Amino acid sequence: PPARPGFLRRPDTDHNRKRACREEFREEVNARILIPSKTIYFYVRTTEEVTGPMPKLKQAIHIPLHELSSRVKELSKFKDREIAVICRSGNRSRAAVNILVENGYKAKNVPGGMSAYTRQ
């Protein structure tokens, strides 16, 4: 299905298609990583999560969600670019997208977060 405005394509929940959708999701994220001038990756994960064992996107900017409202101006140089917001599972990133959009940014949630990206 096509992506809804403000969202990257959501992995399908049909059990027979989950693996294919995860691969599609991974390919979409990887394709965007190869074009860093167009998409900014933004972590709202905790510092412990970012430094922990889960894989990381090296080019991602990191501001934990609980600090975002007071630090949102640090992202001002990216106002004209798409920001893909990532957390562990997709819940905090959804809240971060709302904060960013309210402040004039072009932000999209990465549904399922790093958990969806790293699942085999």
PDB file of N, CA and C in Angstrom:
ATOM      1  N   PRO A   1       0.831  -1.205   0.000  1.00  0.00           N
ATOM      2  CA  PRO A   1       0.000   0.000   0.000  1.00  0.00           C
ATOM      3  C   PRO A   1       0.866   1.256   0.000  1.00  0.00           C
ATOM      4  N   PRO A   2       0.362   2.336  -0.544  1.00  0.00           N
ATOM      5  CA  PRO A   2       1.138   3.571  -0.557  1.00  0.00           C
ATOM      6  C   PRO A   2       1.301   4.122   0.857  1.00  0.00           C
ATOM      7  N   ALA A   3       2.356   4.891   1.059  1.00  0.00           N
ATOM      8  CA  ALA A   3       2.611   5.483   2.369  1.00  0.00           C
ATOM      9  C   ALA A   3       1.591   6.578   2.636  1.00  0.00           C
ATOM     10  N   ARG A   4       1.143   6.663   3.890  1.00  0.00           N
ATOM     11  CA  ARG A   4       0.264   7.758   4.285  1.00  0.00           C
ATOM     12  C   ARG A   4       1.115   9.006   4.448  1.00  0.00           C
ATOM     13  N   PRO A   5       0.545  10.190   4.229  1.00  0.00           N
ATOM     14  CA  PRO A   5       1.323  11.411   4.419  1.00  0.00           C
ATOM     15  C   PRO A   5       1.905  11.448   5.833  1.00  0.00           C
ATOM     16  N   GLY A   6       3.188  11.767   5.942  1.00  0.00           N
ATOM     17  CA  GLY A   6       3.833  11.853   7.244  1.00  0.00           C
ATOM     18  C   GLY A   6       4.374  10.533   7.745  1.00  0.00           C
ATOM     19  N   PHE A   7       4.259   9.464   6.945  1.00  0.00           N
ATOM     20  CA  PHE A   7       4.722   8.152   7.373  1.00  0.00           C
ATOM     21  C   PHE A   7       5.486   7.462   6.258  1.00  0.00           C
ATOM     22  N   LEU A   8       6.510   6.711   6.634  1.00  0.00           N
ATOM     23  CA  LEU A   8       7.126   5.801   5.679  1.00  0.00           C
ATOM     24  C   LEU A   8       6.199   4.609   5.569  1.00  0.00           C
ATOM     25  N   ARG A   9       6.352   3.813   4.545  1.00  0.00           N
ATOM     26  CA  ARG A   9       5.502   2.644   4.351  1.00  0.00           C
ATOM     27  C   ARG A   9       5.557   1.752   5.587  1.00  0.00           C
ATOM     28  N   ARG A  10       4.401   1.335   6.092  1.00  0.00           N
ATOM     29  CA  ARG A  10       4.301   0.499   7.290  1.00  0.00           C
ATOM     30  C   ARG A  10       4.390  -0.970   6.880  1.00  0.00           C
ATOM     31  N   PRO A  11       5.219  -1.750   7.608  1.00  0.00           N
ATOM     32  CA  PRO A  11       5.275  -3.177   7.290  1.00  0.00           C
ATOM     33  C   PRO A  11       3.895  -3.823   7.418  1.00  0.00           C
ATOM     34  N   ASP A  12       3.538  -4.680   6.489  1.00  0.00           N
ATOM     35  CA  ASP A  12       2.254  -5.371   6.474  1.00  0.00           C
ATOM     36  C   ASP A  12       2.158  -6.304   7.668  1.00  0.00           C
ATOM     37  N   THR A  13       0.957  -6.484   8.236  1.00  0.00           N
ATOM     38  CA  THR A  13       0.804  -7.348   9.404  1.00  0.00           C
ATOM     39  C   THR A  13       0.348  -8.750   9.033  1.00  0.00           C
ATOM     40  N   ASP A  14       0.045  -9.033   7.786  1.00  0.00           N
ATOM     41  CA  ASP A  14      -0.349 -10.364   7.337  1.00  0.00           C
ATOM     42  C   ASP A  14       0.822 -11.322   7.571  1.00  0.00           C
ATOM     43  N   HIS A  15       0.584 -12.396   8.361  1.00  0.00           N
ATOM     44  CA  HIS A  15       1.660 -13.316   8.739  1.00  0.00           C
ATOM     45  C   HIS A  15       2.385 -13.909   7.532  1.00  0.00           C
ATOM     46  N   ASN A  16       1.686 -14.153   6.458  1.00  0.00           N
ATOM     47  CA  ASN A  16       2.327 -14.740   5.280  1.00  0.00           C
ATOM     48  C   ASN A  16       3.233 -13.760   4.558  1.00  0.00           C
ATOM     49  N   ARG A  17       3.086 -12.477   4.831  1.00  0.00           N
ATOM     50  CA  ARG A  17       3.864 -11.470   4.113  1.00  0.00           C
ATOM     51  C   ARG A  17       4.805 -10.693   5.019  1.00  0.00           C
ATOM     52  N   LYS A  18       4.874 -11.029   6.320  1.00  0.00           N
ATOM     53  CA  LYS A  18       5.701 -10.257   7.248  1.00  0.00           C
ATOM     54  C   LYS A  18       7.162 -10.202   6.831  1.00  0.00           C
ATOM     55  N   ARG A  19       7.724 -11.350   6.505  1.00  0.00           N
ATOM     56  CA  ARG A  19       9.145 -11.375   6.141  1.00  0.00           C
ATOM     57  C   ARG A  19       9.407 -10.523   4.902  1.00  0.00           C
ATOM     58  N   ALA A  20       8.562 -10.658   3.891  1.00  0.00           N
ATOM     59  CA  ALA A  20       8.726  -9.870   2.665  1.00  0.00           C
ATOM     60  C   ALA A  20       8.605  -8.385   2.971  1.00  0.00           C
ATOM     61  N   CYS A  21       7.686  -8.028   3.847  1.00  0.00           N
ATOM     62  CA  CYS A  21       7.507  -6.618   4.189  1.00  0.00           C
ATOM     63  C   CYS A  21       8.688  -6.075   4.978  1.00  0.00           C
ATOM     64  N   ARG A  22       9.262  -6.915   5.863  1.00  0.00           N
ATOM     65  CA  ARG A  22      10.441  -6.469   6.601  1.00  0.00           C
ATOM     66  C   ARG A  22      11.590  -6.223   5.631  1.00  0.00           C
ATOM     67  N   GLU A  23      11.727  -7.107   4.640  1.00  0.00           N
ATOM     68  CA  GLU A  23      12.780  -6.926   3.637  1.00  0.00           C
ATOM     69  C   GLU A  23      12.534  -5.646   2.838  1.00  0.00           C
ATOM     70  N   GLU A  24      11.292  -5.412   2.479  1.00  0.00           N
ATOM     71  CA  GLU A  24      10.925  -4.203   1.738  1.00  0.00           C
ATOM     72  C   GLU A  24      11.237  -2.961   2.577  1.00  0.00           C
ATOM     73  N   PHE A  25      10.884  -3.031   3.870  1.00  0.00           N
ATOM     74  CA  PHE A  25      11.140  -1.930   4.795  1.00  0.00           C
ATOM     75  C   PHE A  25      12.648  -1.672   4.887  1.00  0.00           C
ATOM     76  N   ARG A  26      13.435  -2.751   5.052  1.00  0.00           N
ATOM     77  CA  ARG A  26      14.891  -2.642   5.136  1.00  0.00           C
ATOM     78  C   ARG A  26      15.453  -2.009   3.870  1.00  0.00           C
ATOM     79  N   GLU A  27      14.947  -2.460   2.709  1.00  0.00           N
ATOM     80  CA  GLU A  27      15.418  -1.906   1.434  1.00  0.00           C
ATOM     81  C   GLU A  27      15.093  -0.421   1.329  1.00  0.00           C
ATOM     82  N   GLU A  28      13.898  -0.037   1.799  1.00  0.00           N
ATOM     83  CA  GLU A  28      13.508   1.373   1.746  1.00  0.00           C
ATOM     84  C   GLU A  28      14.427   2.219   2.622  1.00  0.00           C
ATOM     85  N   VAL A  29      14.693   1.753   3.845  1.00  0.00           N
ATOM     86  CA  VAL A  29      15.585   2.499   4.733  1.00  0.00           C
ATOM     87  C   VAL A  29      16.984   2.549   4.129  1.00  0.00           C
ATOM     88  N   ASN A  30      17.478   1.411   3.648  1.00  0.00           N
ATOM     89  CA  ASN A  30      18.814   1.383   3.054  1.00  0.00           C
ATOM     90  C   ASN A  30      18.908   2.301   1.844  1.00  0.00           C
ATOM     91  N   ALA A  31      17.878   2.340   1.021  1.00  0.00           N
ATOM     92  CA  ALA A  31      17.882   3.220  -0.149  1.00  0.00           C
ATOM     93  C   ALA A  31      17.970   4.675   0.283  1.00  0.00           C
ATOM     94  N   ARG A  32      17.272   5.025   1.332  1.00  0.00           N
ATOM     95  CA  ARG A  32      17.314   6.404   1.811  1.00  0.00           C
ATOM     96  C   ARG A  32      18.665   6.733   2.440  1.00  0.00           C
ATOM     97  N   ILE A  33      19.297   5.749   3.070  1.00  0.00           N
ATOM     98  CA  ILE A  33      20.613   5.974   3.663  1.00  0.00           C
ATOM     99  C   ILE A  33      21.627   6.300   2.579  1.00  0.00           C
ATOM    100  N   LEU A  34      21.463   5.702   1.420  1.00  0.00           N
ATOM    101  CA  LEU A  34      22.401   5.946   0.329  1.00  0.00           C
ATOM    102  C   LEU A  34      22.244   7.331  -0.277  1.00  0.00           C
ATOM    103  N   ILE A  35      21.190   8.047   0.099  1.00  0.00           N
ATOM    104  CA  ILE A  35      20.965   9.406  -0.385  1.00  0.00           C
ATOM    105  C   ILE A  35      20.876  10.334   0.831  1.00  0.00           C
ATOM    106  N   PRO A  36      21.955  10.457   1.623  1.00  0.00           N
ATOM    107  CA  PRO A  36      21.892  11.230   2.859  1.00  0.00           C
ATOM    108  C   PRO A  36      21.572  12.705   2.652  1.00  0.00           C
ATOM    109  N   SER A  37      21.806  13.246   1.448  1.00  0.00           N
ATOM    110  CA  SER A  37      21.508  14.651   1.222  1.00  0.00           C
ATOM    111  C   SER A  37      20.009  14.924   1.206  1.00  0.00           C
ATOM    112  N   LYS A  38      19.204  13.876   1.010  1.00  0.00           N
ATOM    113  CA  LYS A  38      17.761  14.071   0.944  1.00  0.00           C
ATOM    114  C   LYS A  38      17.046  13.727   2.246  1.00  0.00           C
ATOM    115  N   THR A  39      17.567  12.794   3.016  1.00  0.00           N
ATOM    116  CA  THR A  39      16.901  12.361   4.237  1.00  0.00           C
ATOM    117  C   THR A  39      17.850  12.450   5.421  1.00  0.00           C
ATOM    118  N   ILE A  40      17.357  13.009   6.504  1.00  0.00           N
ATOM    119  CA  ILE A  40      18.101  13.063   7.760  1.00  0.00           C
ATOM    120  C   ILE A  40      17.499  11.996   8.660  1.00  0.00           C
ATOM    121  N   TYR A  41      18.341  11.143   9.227  1.00  0.00           N
ATOM    122  CA  TYR A  41      17.876  10.142  10.196  1.00  0.00           C
ATOM    123  C   TYR A  41      18.064  10.705  11.583  1.00  0.00           C
ATOM    124  N   PHE A  42      17.012  10.587  12.369  1.00  0.00           N
ATOM    125  CA  PHE A  42      16.969  11.240  13.671  1.00  0.00           C
ATOM    126  C   PHE A  42      16.491  10.260  14.723  1.00  0.00           C
ATOM    127  N   TYR A  43      17.359   9.934  15.675  1.00  0.00           N
ATOM    128  CA  TYR A  43      17.018   9.040  16.783  1.00  0.00           C
ATOM    129  C   TYR A  43      16.400   9.817  17.925  1.00  0.00           C
ATOM    130  N   VAL A  44      15.310   9.297  18.466  1.00  0.00           N
ATOM    131  CA  VAL A  44      14.755   9.817  19.713  1.00  0.00           C
ATOM    132  C   VAL A  44      14.844   8.731  20.786  1.00  0.00           C
ATOM    133  N   ARG A  45      15.724   7.761  20.537  1.00  0.00           N
ATOM    134  CA  ARG A  45      15.967   6.696  21.495  1.00  0.00           C
ATOM    135  C   ARG A  45      16.760   7.247  22.678  1.00  0.00           C
ATOM    136  N   THR A  46      16.754   6.518  23.801  1.00  0.00           N
ATOM    137  CA  THR A  46      17.541   6.951  24.949  1.00  0.00           C
ATOM    138  C   THR A  46      19.021   6.754  24.640  1.00  0.00           C
ATOM    139  N   THR A  47      19.862   7.424  25.405  1.00  0.00           N
ATOM    140  CA  THR A  47      21.306   7.269  25.229  1.00  0.00           C
ATOM    141  C   THR A  47      21.713   5.820  25.453  1.00  0.00           C
ATOM    142  N   GLU A  48      21.096   5.172  26.431  1.00  0.00           N
ATOM    143  CA  GLU A  48      21.407   3.769  26.714  1.00  0.00           C
ATOM    144  C   GLU A  48      21.071   2.879  25.509  1.00  0.00           C
ATOM    145  N   GLU A  49      19.961   3.171  24.837  1.00  0.00           N
ATOM    146  CA  GLU A  49      19.586   2.389  23.657  1.00  0.00           C
ATOM    147  C   GLU A  49      20.563   2.613  22.502  1.00  0.00           C
ATOM    148  N   VAL A  50      20.966   3.851  22.324  1.00  0.00           N
ATOM    149  CA  VAL A  50      21.864   4.180  21.213  1.00  0.00           C
ATOM    150  C   VAL A  50      23.254   3.574  21.436  1.00  0.00           C
ATOM    151  N   THR A  51      23.691   3.495  22.682  1.00  0.00           N
ATOM    152  CA  THR A  51      25.013   2.934  22.971  1.00  0.00           C
ATOM    153  C   THR A  51      24.952   1.434  23.240  1.00  0.00           C
ATOM    154  N   GLY A  52      23.758   0.863  23.266  1.00  0.00           N
ATOM    155  CA  GLY A  52      23.578  -0.559  23.548  1.00  0.00           C
ATOM    156  C   GLY A  52      23.850  -1.449  22.349  1.00  0.00           C
ATOM    157  N   PRO A  53      23.429  -2.720  22.453  1.00  0.00           N
ATOM    158  CA  PRO A  53      23.772  -3.710  21.431  1.00  0.00           C
ATOM    159  C   PRO A  53      22.978  -3.626  20.116  1.00  0.00           C
ATOM    160  N   MET A  54      21.831  -2.952  20.111  1.00  0.00           N
ATOM    161  CA  MET A  54      21.035  -2.892  18.887  1.00  0.00           C
ATOM    162  C   MET A  54      21.803  -2.128  17.802  1.00  0.00           C
ATOM    163  N   PRO A  55      21.748  -2.580  16.554  1.00  0.00           N
ATOM    164  CA  PRO A  55      22.458  -1.880  15.471  1.00  0.00           C
ATOM    165  C   PRO A  55      22.065  -0.403  15.388  1.00  0.00           C
ATOM    166  N   LYS A  56      22.990   0.386  14.870  1.00  0.00           N
ATOM    167  CA  LYS A  56      22.770   1.831  14.770  1.00  0.00           C
ATOM    168  C   LYS A  56      22.990   2.298  13.338  1.00  0.00           C
ATOM    169  N   LEU A  57      22.343   3.383  12.993  1.00  0.00           N
ATOM    170  CA  LEU A  57      22.598   4.056  11.723  1.00  0.00           C
ATOM    171  C   LEU A  57      23.633   5.132  12.038  1.00  0.00           C
ATOM    172  N   LYS A  58      24.825   4.980  11.503  1.00  0.00           N
ATOM    173  CA  LYS A  58      25.926   5.875  11.873  1.00  0.00           C
ATOM    174  C   LYS A  58      25.629   7.335  11.584  1.00  0.00           C
ATOM    175  N   GLN A  59      24.875   7.596  10.527  1.00  0.00           N
ATOM    176  CA  GLN A  59      24.634   8.985  10.148  1.00  0.00           C
ATOM    177  C   GLN A  59      23.439   9.628  10.856  1.00  0.00           C
ATOM    178  N   ALA A  60      22.859   8.931  11.824  1.00  0.00           N
ATOM    179  CA  ALA A  60      21.687   9.477  12.521  1.00  0.00           C
ATOM    180  C   ALA A  60      22.093  10.521  13.561  1.00  0.00           C
ATOM    181  N   ILE A  61      21.250  11.525  13.690  1.00  0.00           N
ATOM    182  CA  ILE A  61      21.385  12.553  14.724  1.00  0.00           C
ATOM    183  C   ILE A  61      20.637  12.023  15.938  1.00  0.00           C
ATOM    184  N   HIS A  62      21.120  12.301  17.137  1.00  0.00           N
ATOM    185  CA  HIS A  62      20.484  11.759  18.342  1.00  0.00           C
ATOM    186  C   HIS A  62      20.103  12.860  19.318  1.00  0.00           C
ATOM    187  N   ILE A  63      18.801  12.953  19.599  1.00  0.00           N
ATOM    188  CA  ILE A  63      18.280  13.774  20.694  1.00  0.00           C
ATOM    189  C   ILE A  63      17.167  12.938  21.322  1.00  0.00           C
ATOM    190  N   PRO A  64      17.304  12.522  22.586  1.00  0.00           N
ATOM    191  CA  PRO A  64      16.251  11.722  23.215  1.00  0.00           C
ATOM    192  C   PRO A  64      14.914  12.476  23.222  1.00  0.00           C
ATOM    193  N   LEU A  65      13.826  11.742  23.110  1.00  0.00           N
ATOM    194  CA  LEU A  65      12.494  12.367  23.047  1.00  0.00           C
ATOM    195  C   LEU A  65      12.252  13.319  24.205  1.00  0.00           C
ATOM    196  N   HIS A  66      12.643  12.942  25.422  1.00  0.00           N
ATOM    197  CA  HIS A  66      12.363  13.793  26.584  1.00  0.00           C
ATOM    198  C   HIS A  66      13.119  15.123  26.539  1.00  0.00           C
ATOM    199  N   GLU A  67      14.100  15.267  25.636  1.00  0.00           N
ATOM    200  CA  GLU A  67      14.842  16.521  25.487  1.00  0.00           C
ATOM    201  C   GLU A  67      14.448  17.280  24.221  1.00  0.00           C
ATOM    202  N   LEU A  68      13.634  16.682  23.376  1.00  0.00           N
ATOM    203  CA  LEU A  68      13.373  17.252  22.049  1.00  0.00           C
ATOM    204  C   LEU A  68      12.735  18.636  22.090  1.00  0.00           C
ATOM    205  N   SER A  69      11.717  18.833  22.902  1.00  0.00           N
ATOM    206  CA  SER A  69      11.036  20.141  22.924  1.00  0.00           C
ATOM    207  C   SER A  69      11.999  21.279  23.234  1.00  0.00           C
ATOM    208  N   SER A  70      12.934  21.044  24.156  1.00  0.00           N
ATOM    209  CA  SER A  70      13.863  22.115  24.529  1.00  0.00           C
ATOM    210  C   SER A  70      15.053  22.225  23.571  1.00  0.00           C
ATOM    211  N   ARG A  71      15.263  21.214  22.707  1.00  0.00           N
ATOM    212  CA  ARG A  71      16.423  21.218  21.807  1.00  0.00           C
ATOM    213  C   ARG A  71      16.051  21.255  20.326  1.00  0.00           C
ATOM    214  N   VAL A  72      14.767  21.419  20.021  1.00  0.00           N
ATOM    215  CA  VAL A  72      14.303  21.334  18.636  1.00  0.00           C
ATOM    216  C   VAL A  72      15.008  22.333  17.711  1.00  0.00           C
ATOM    217  N   LYS A  73      15.424  23.472  18.227  1.00  0.00           N
ATOM    218  CA  LYS A  73      16.097  24.478  17.387  1.00  0.00           C
ATOM    219  C   LYS A  73      17.457  24.008  16.885  1.00  0.00           C
ATOM    220  N   GLU A  74      18.032  22.979  17.525  1.00  0.00           N
ATOM    221  CA  GLU A  74      19.308  22.426  17.059  1.00  0.00           C
ATOM    222  C   GLU A  74      19.171  21.813  15.661  1.00  0.00           C
ATOM    223  N   LEU A  75      17.946  21.519  15.266  1.00  0.00           N
ATOM    224  CA  LEU A  75      17.696  20.903  13.963  1.00  0.00           C
ATOM    225  C   LEU A  75      17.345  21.923  12.891  1.00  0.00           C
ATOM    226  N   SER A  76      17.415  23.204  13.201  1.00  0.00           N
ATOM    227  CA  SER A  76      16.947  24.240  12.280  1.00  0.00           C
ATOM    228  C   SER A  76      17.621  24.188  10.912  1.00  0.00           C
ATOM    229  N   LYS A  77      18.879  23.752  10.845  1.00  0.00           N
ATOM    230  CA  LYS A  77      19.548  23.695   9.540  1.00  0.00           C
ATOM    231  C   LYS A  77      18.969  22.604   8.639  1.00  0.00           C
ATOM    232  N   PHE A  78      18.096  21.756   9.192  1.00  0.00           N
ATOM    233  CA  PHE A  78      17.488  20.677   8.412  1.00  0.00           C
ATOM    234  C   PHE A  78      16.014  20.945   8.080  1.00  0.00           C
ATOM    235  N   LYS A  79      15.532  22.160   8.284  1.00  0.00           N
ATOM    236  CA  LYS A  79      14.113  22.451   8.062  1.00  0.00           C
ATOM    237  C   LYS A  79      13.657  22.194   6.636  1.00  0.00           C
ATOM    238  N   ASP A  80      14.562  22.277   5.684  1.00  0.00           N
ATOM    239  CA  ASP A  80      14.173  22.087   4.286  1.00  0.00           C
ATOM    240  C   ASP A  80      14.348  20.638   3.822  1.00  0.00           C
ATOM    241  N   ARG A  81      14.717  19.732   4.726  1.00  0.00           N
ATOM    242  CA  ARG A  81      14.953  18.335   4.354  1.00  0.00           C
ATOM    243  C   ARG A  81      13.990  17.411   5.089  1.00  0.00           C
ATOM    244  N   GLU A  82      13.784  16.235   4.521  1.00  0.00           N
ATOM    245  CA  GLU A  82      12.934  15.234   5.163  1.00  0.00           C
ATOM    246  C   GLU A  82      13.682  14.624   6.340  1.00  0.00           C
ATOM    247  N   ILE A  83      13.011  14.502   7.470  1.00  0.00           N
ATOM    248  CA  ILE A  83      13.601  13.892   8.659  1.00  0.00           C
ATOM    249  C   ILE A  83      12.850  12.603   8.949  1.00  0.00           C
ATOM    250  N   ALA A  84      13.558  11.480   8.939  1.00  0.00           N
ATOM    251  CA  ALA A  84      12.981  10.178   9.281  1.00  0.00           C
ATOM    252  C   ALA A  84      13.290   9.931  10.752  1.00  0.00           C
ATOM    253  N   VAL A  85      12.248   9.861  11.577  1.00  0.00           N
ATOM    254  CA  VAL A  85      12.408   9.772  13.026  1.00  0.00           C
ATOM    255  C   VAL A  85      12.325   8.315  13.471  1.00  0.00           C
ATOM    256  N   ILE A  86      13.316   7.901  14.274  1.00  0.00           N
ATOM    257  CA  ILE A  86      13.446   6.501  14.658  1.00  0.00           C
ATOM    258  C   ILE A  86      13.573   6.365  16.175  1.00  0.00           C
ATOM    259  N   CYS A  87      12.872   5.371  16.725  1.00  0.00           N
ATOM    260  CA  CYS A  87      13.085   4.973  18.113  1.00  0.00           C
ATOM    261  C   CYS A  87      13.237   3.452  18.113  1.00  0.00           C
ATOM    262  N   ARG A  88      12.985   2.803  19.226  1.00  0.00           N
ATOM    263  CA  ARG A  88      13.130   1.358  19.266  1.00  0.00           C
ATOM    264  C   ARG A  88      11.984   0.667  18.543  1.00  0.00           C
ATOM    265  N   SER A  89      10.731   1.112  18.829  1.00  0.00           N
ATOM    266  CA  SER A  89       9.575   0.399  18.283  1.00  0.00           C
ATOM    267  C   SER A  89       8.631   1.250  17.440  1.00  0.00           C
ATOM    268  N   GLY A  90       8.790   2.551  17.442  1.00  0.00           N
ATOM    269  CA  GLY A  90       7.926   3.421  16.644  1.00  0.00           C
ATOM    270  C   GLY A  90       6.996   4.297  17.441  1.00  0.00           C
ATOM    271  N   ASN A  91       6.879   4.063  18.746  1.00  0.00           N
ATOM    272  CA  ASN A  91       5.951   4.864  19.557  1.00  0.00           C
ATOM    273  C   ASN A  91       6.502   6.250  19.883  1.00  0.00           C
ATOM    274  N   ARG A  92       7.708   6.316  20.389  1.00  0.00           N
ATOM    275  CA  ARG A  92       8.295   7.627  20.717  1.00  0.00           C
ATOM    276  C   ARG A  92       8.531   8.450  19.462  1.00  0.00           C
ATOM    277  N   SER A  93       8.894   7.773  18.380  1.00  0.00           N
ATOM    278  CA  SER A  93       9.141   8.524  17.145  1.00  0.00           C
ATOM    279  C   SER A  93       7.855   9.178  16.646  1.00  0.00           C
ATOM    280  N   ARG A  94       6.712   8.528  16.861  1.00  0.00           N
ATOM    281  CA  ARG A  94       5.430   9.124  16.468  1.00  0.00           C
ATOM    282  C   ARG A  94       5.212  10.422  17.244  1.00  0.00           C
ATOM    283  N   ALA A  95       5.510  10.418  18.547  1.00  0.00           N
ATOM    284  CA  ALA A  95       5.363  11.632  19.359  1.00  0.00           C
ATOM    285  C   ALA A  95       6.346  12.708  18.898  1.00  0.00           C
ATOM    286  N   ALA A  96       7.569  12.291  18.551  1.00  0.00           N
ATOM    287  CA  ALA A  96       8.580  13.240  18.086  1.00  0.00           C
ATOM    288  C   ALA A  96       8.173  13.883  16.757  1.00  0.00           C
ATOM    289  N   VAL A  97       7.566  13.101  15.872  1.00  0.00           N
ATOM    290  CA  VAL A  97       7.094  13.648  14.593  1.00  0.00           C
ATOM    291  C   VAL A  97       6.105  14.777  14.856  1.00  0.00           C
ATOM    292  N   ASN A  98       5.198  14.573  15.801  1.00  0.00           N
ATOM    293  CA  ASN A  98       4.222  15.624  16.121  1.00  0.00           C
ATOM    294  C   ASN A  98       4.924  16.905  16.576  1.00  0.00           C
ATOM    295  N   ILE A  99       5.932  16.770  17.432  1.00  0.00           N
ATOM    296  CA  ILE A  99       6.671  17.939  17.913  1.00  0.00           C
ATOM    297  C   ILE A  99       7.377  18.630  16.741  1.00  0.00           C
ATOM    298  N   LEU A 100       8.021  17.846  15.892  1.00  0.00           N
ATOM    299  CA  LEU A 100       8.757  18.425  14.763  1.00  0.00           C
ATOM    300  C   LEU A 100       7.823  19.112  13.769  1.00  0.00           C
ATOM    301  N   VAL A 101       6.719  18.463  13.428  1.00  0.00           N
ATOM    302  CA  VAL A 101       5.761  19.046  12.474  1.00  0.00           C
ATOM    303  C   VAL A 101       5.185  20.344  13.034  1.00  0.00           C
ATOM    304  N   GLU A 102       4.863  20.368  14.338  1.00  0.00           N
ATOM    305  CA  GLU A 102       4.353  21.593  14.967  1.00  0.00           C
ATOM    306  C   GLU A 102       5.362  22.735  14.885  1.00  0.00           C
ATOM    307  N   ASN A 103       6.650  22.384  14.760  1.00  0.00           N
ATOM    308  CA  ASN A 103       7.711  23.390  14.676  1.00  0.00           C
ATOM    309  C   ASN A 103       8.183  23.629  13.244  1.00  0.00           C
ATOM    310  N   GLY A 104       7.417  23.142  12.263  1.00  0.00           N
ATOM    311  CA  GLY A 104       7.689  23.450  10.864  1.00  0.00           C
ATOM    312  C   GLY A 104       8.640  22.521  10.126  1.00  0.00           C
ATOM    313  N   TYR A 105       8.920  21.349  10.684  1.00  0.00           N
ATOM    314  CA  TYR A 105       9.813  20.388  10.022  1.00  0.00           C
ATOM    315  C   TYR A 105       9.029  19.397   9.190  1.00  0.00           C
ATOM    316  N   LYS A 106       9.698  18.828   8.179  1.00  0.00           N
ATOM    317  CA  LYS A 106       9.112  17.769   7.346  1.00  0.00           C
ATOM    318  C   LYS A 106       9.572  16.442   7.948  1.00  0.00           C
ATOM    319  N   ALA A 107       8.807  15.923   8.889  1.00  0.00           N
ATOM    320  CA  ALA A 107       9.212  14.724   9.615  1.00  0.00           C
ATOM    321  C   ALA A 107       8.289  13.555   9.317  1.00  0.00           C
ATOM    322  N   LYS A 108       8.889  12.355   9.282  1.00  0.00           N
ATOM    323  CA  LYS A 108       8.126  11.126   9.063  1.00  0.00           C
ATOM    324  C   LYS A 108       8.544  10.097  10.098  1.00  0.00           C
ATOM    325  N   ASN A 109       7.570   9.347  10.549  1.00  0.00           N
ATOM    326  CA  ASN A 109       7.810   8.265  11.493  1.00  0.00           C
ATOM    327  C   ASN A 109       8.332   7.043  10.739  1.00  0.00           C
ATOM    328  N   VAL A 110       9.294   6.325  11.336  1.00  0.00           N
ATOM    329  CA  VAL A 110       9.722   5.035  10.806  1.00  0.00           C
ATOM    330  C   VAL A 110       8.979   3.990  11.636  1.00  0.00           C
ATOM    331  N   PRO A 111       7.856   3.456  11.119  1.00  0.00           N
ATOM    332  CA  PRO A 111       7.025   2.524  11.885  1.00  0.00           C
ATOM    333  C   PRO A 111       7.809   1.273  12.279  1.00  0.00           C
ATOM    334  N   GLY A 112       7.639   0.867  13.505  1.00  0.00           N
ATOM    335  CA  GLY A 112       8.326  -0.329  13.981  1.00  0.00           C
ATOM    336  C   GLY A 112       9.732  -0.045  14.469  1.00  0.00           C
ATOM    337  N   GLY A 113      10.271   1.137  14.159  1.00  0.00           N
ATOM    338  CA  GLY A 113      11.580   1.556  14.633  1.00  0.00           C
ATOM    339  C   GLY A 113      12.702   0.586  14.303  1.00  0.00           C
ATOM    340  N   MET A 114      13.750   0.630  15.117  1.00  0.00           N
ATOM    341  CA  MET A 114      14.901  -0.236  14.884  1.00  0.00           C
ATOM    342  C   MET A 114      14.560  -1.700  15.084  1.00  0.00           C
ATOM    343  N   SER A 115      13.535  -1.989  15.877  1.00  0.00           N
ATOM    344  CA  SER A 115      13.121  -3.388  16.068  1.00  0.00           C
ATOM    345  C   SER A 115      12.670  -3.984  14.743  1.00  0.00           C
ATOM    346  N   ALA A 116      11.877  -3.253  13.969  1.00  0.00           N
ATOM    347  CA  ALA A 116      11.413  -3.749  12.669  1.00  0.00           C
ATOM    348  C   ALA A 116      12.564  -3.838  11.686  1.00  0.00           C
ATOM    349  N   TYR A 117      13.484  -2.896  11.762  1.00  0.00           N
ATOM    350  CA  TYR A 117      14.612  -2.877  10.837  1.00  0.00           C
ATOM    351  C   TYR A 117      15.553  -4.057  11.073  1.00  0.00           C
ATOM    352  N   THR A 118      15.734  -4.451  12.321  1.00  0.00           N
ATOM    353  CA  THR A 118      16.719  -5.477  12.635  1.00  0.00           C
ATOM    354  C   THR A 118      16.148  -6.887  12.696  1.00  0.00           C
ATOM    355  N   ARG A 119      14.818  -7.049  12.724  1.00  0.00           N
ATOM    356  CA  ARG A 119      14.226  -8.386  12.775  1.00  0.00           C
ATOM    357  C   ARG A 119      14.570  -9.190  11.536  1.00  0.00           C
ATOM    358  N   GLN A 120      14.826 -10.444  11.706  1.00  0.00           N
ATOM    359  CA  GLN A 120      15.130 -11.324  10.562  1.00  0.00           C
ATOM    360  C   GLN A 120      13.871 -12.002  10.074  1.00  0.00           C
TER     361      GLN A 120
END
